[in-house]
Amino acid sequence: MGQQLEEGDARAMIQANFIYQFAINSNWPTEVKKGKFQIVVVGNENVFKHMAEKYGTKPIGAQAIEVVNASVWNAGQFAQIIFVDKSKKSELQKIIKEGKSKSMLVVTNWEGALTAGACINFKNVENSIRYEMNELSMSERKITPGNKLLQWKVQ
């Protein structure tokens, strides 16, 4: 008897997998390669659950992953990756402003988020989840996407 995934659950699983790929296939500055590799999920319980269950024990280089579930962004907080769900759009500008001088990869899932300053945005392309990338935004944060990420992005 197989357990059927709901559509939201399947979407969350795919997004969690991509977020992990963003972590391992990006070149991070030396100063953020110490301590834990923190991934904060703002506003999406399903993505958090899949991240924590499937990737929470895998390292990013020599760093242990710490996955944090948040309903809002806490000022002064640092994370290498912040996923902001469309239900928390109002948090984006606060995160962008605070993270501009830090190496924080901001990932979103709604139309127009890249022009608002996000680094990577999930989008639906022919019924599958893909992503678009703002390489300038990543460069400003001293994060270099690896070849795999550049090949997989929506052109």
Protein backbone atom coordinates (compact mmCIF):
# COMPACT_ATOMS: atom_id res chain seq x y z
CA MET A 1 0.00 0.00 0.00
CA GLY A 2 1.84 3.12 -1.23
CA GLN A 3 1.50 6.48 0.36
CA GLN A 4 0.41 9.07 -2.17
CA LEU A 5 2.02 12.49 -2.06
CA GLU A 6 -0.24 15.50 -2.19
CA GLU A 7 0.67 18.07 -4.83
CA GLY A 8 1.91 20.60 -2.24
CA ASP A 9 4.01 17.89 -0.63
CA ALA A 10 5.60 16.84 -3.92
CA ARG A 11 6.34 20.50 -4.74
CA ALA A 12 7.93 20.96 -1.30
CA MET A 13 10.07 17.85 -1.77
CA ILE A 14 11.36 19.09 -5.15
CA GLN A 15 12.03 22.58 -3.78
CA ALA A 16 13.90 21.11 -0.78
CA ASN A 17 16.03 19.04 -3.18
CA PHE A 18 16.86 22.11 -5.25
CA ILE A 19 17.75 24.12 -2.13
CA TYR A 20 20.19 21.37 -1.13
CA GLN A 21 21.64 21.46 -4.67
CA PHE A 22 22.03 25.26 -4.40
CA ALA A 23 23.99 24.69 -1.17
CA ILE A 24 26.37 22.03 -2.48
CA ASN A 25 26.79 23.43 -6.01
CA SER A 26 27.66 27.01 -5.09
CA ASN A 27 31.04 28.40 -4.16
CA TRP A 28 30.77 30.18 -0.81
CA PRO A 29 33.23 32.75 0.58
CA THR A 30 35.67 31.45 3.20
CA GLU A 31 34.12 33.46 6.04
CA VAL A 32 30.81 31.55 5.80
CA LYS A 33 32.43 28.12 5.59
CA LYS A 34 32.84 27.98 9.38
CA GLY A 35 30.39 26.66 11.94
CA LYS A 36 27.05 25.31 10.79
CA PHE A 37 25.60 25.76 7.33
CA GLN A 38 22.27 27.30 8.18
CA ILE A 39 19.21 27.10 5.97
CA VAL A 40 16.20 29.11 7.16
CA VAL A 41 12.78 28.34 5.70
CA VAL A 42 10.38 31.26 6.15
CA GLY A 43 6.69 30.44 5.87
CA ASN A 44 6.58 26.91 4.44
CA GLU A 45 6.24 24.02 6.87
CA ASN A 46 6.38 21.38 4.09
CA VAL A 47 9.66 22.62 2.63
CA PHE A 48 11.12 22.82 6.13
CA LYS A 49 9.99 19.26 6.93
CA HIS A 50 11.51 17.81 3.75
CA MET A 51 14.75 19.79 4.19
CA ALA A 52 15.17 18.68 7.79
CA GLU A 53 14.24 15.02 7.19
CA LYS A 54 16.11 14.38 3.98
CA TYR A 55 19.09 16.76 4.14
CA GLY A 56 19.44 17.73 7.81
CA THR A 57 22.20 15.17 8.45
CA LYS A 58 24.16 15.72 5.22
CA PRO A 59 27.19 18.01 5.31
CA ILE A 60 27.91 20.94 3.02
CA GLY A 61 31.66 20.53 2.63
CA ALA A 62 32.91 20.25 6.21
CA GLN A 63 29.84 21.98 7.69
CA ALA A 64 26.87 20.31 9.33
CA ILE A 65 23.50 21.57 8.06
CA GLU A 66 21.10 23.24 10.46
CA VAL A 67 17.58 23.69 9.06
CA VAL A 68 15.46 26.31 10.83
CA ASN A 69 11.72 26.86 10.46
CA ALA A 70 10.64 30.49 10.85
CA SER A 71 7.35 32.33 10.52
CA VAL A 72 9.19 35.66 10.14
CA TRP A 73 12.78 36.78 9.56
CA ASN A 74 14.60 37.85 12.71
CA ALA A 75 16.76 40.95 12.21
CA GLY A 76 20.42 40.28 12.86
CA GLN A 77 20.09 36.60 11.98
CA PHE A 78 22.49 35.01 9.48
CA ALA A 79 21.95 32.00 7.28
CA GLN A 80 23.73 30.89 4.13
CA ILE A 81 20.36 30.16 2.48
CA ILE A 82 16.98 31.73 3.21
CA PHE A 83 13.93 30.33 1.43
CA VAL A 84 11.05 32.83 1.56
CA ASP A 85 7.65 31.35 0.66
CA LYS A 86 5.18 33.47 -1.32
CA SER A 87 2.94 33.53 1.77
CA LYS A 88 5.68 35.68 3.40
CA LYS A 89 6.38 38.08 0.50
CA SER A 90 6.25 40.96 2.96
CA GLU A 91 9.47 39.66 4.61
CA LEU A 92 11.53 39.83 1.40
CA GLN A 93 12.61 43.47 1.44
CA LYS A 94 13.74 43.21 5.06
CA ILE A 95 15.84 40.13 4.20
CA ILE A 96 17.25 41.66 0.99
CA LYS A 97 18.24 44.87 2.78
CA GLU A 98 19.89 43.05 5.66
CA GLY A 99 21.56 40.39 3.51
CA LYS A 100 22.96 42.66 0.83
CA SER A 101 26.42 42.88 2.42
CA LYS A 102 26.36 39.28 3.68
CA SER A 103 26.75 36.05 1.75
CA MET A 104 23.11 34.99 2.08
CA LEU A 105 21.45 33.22 -0.84
CA VAL A 106 17.82 34.33 -0.99
CA VAL A 107 15.48 31.82 -2.66
CA THR A 108 11.82 32.56 -3.42
CA ASN A 109 8.82 31.09 -5.24
CA TRP A 110 6.78 33.86 -6.88
CA GLU A 111 6.80 35.87 -10.09
CA GLY A 112 8.75 39.13 -9.84
CA ALA A 113 10.90 38.13 -6.86
CA LEU A 114 14.17 38.25 -8.84
CA THR A 115 13.63 41.89 -9.79
CA ALA A 116 12.90 42.58 -6.10
CA GLY A 117 16.40 41.28 -5.22
CA ALA A 118 16.07 37.51 -4.74
CA CYS A 119 18.99 35.37 -5.99
CA ILE A 120 17.02 32.33 -7.16
CA ASN A 121 13.30 31.97 -7.82
CA PHE A 122 11.28 28.79 -8.36
CA LYS A 123 8.82 28.83 -11.24
CA ASN A 124 6.55 26.39 -13.02
CA VAL A 125 7.62 25.56 -16.55
CA GLU A 126 5.43 23.12 -18.49
CA ASN A 127 4.12 21.54 -15.26
CA SER A 128 7.51 21.06 -13.68
CA ILE A 129 9.35 23.06 -11.04
CA ARG A 130 12.36 24.91 -12.38
CA TYR A 131 14.25 27.98 -11.26
CA GLU A 132 15.54 31.25 -12.60
CA MET A 133 18.65 32.94 -11.30
CA ASN A 134 19.84 36.50 -10.71
CA GLU A 135 23.59 36.05 -11.11
CA LEU A 136 24.31 39.72 -10.38
CA SER A 137 22.52 39.45 -7.02
CA MET A 138 24.55 36.32 -6.23
CA SER A 139 27.79 38.00 -7.27
CA GLU A 140 27.07 41.00 -5.00
CA ARG A 141 26.83 38.49 -2.14
CA LYS A 142 30.11 36.78 -3.17
CA ILE A 143 28.30 33.51 -4.00
CA THR A 144 29.31 31.83 -7.25
CA PRO A 145 26.88 29.34 -8.77
CA GLY A 146 28.50 26.13 -9.96
CA ASN A 147 28.22 24.80 -13.52
CA LYS A 148 25.40 22.41 -12.62
CA LEU A 149 23.23 25.25 -11.33
CA LEU A 150 23.94 27.34 -14.42
CA GLN A 151 23.06 24.41 -16.70
CA TRP A 152 19.81 23.58 -14.86
CA LYS A 153 18.38 27.10 -14.64
CA VAL A 154 15.62 28.35 -16.91
CA GLN A 155 17.20 30.42 -19.66
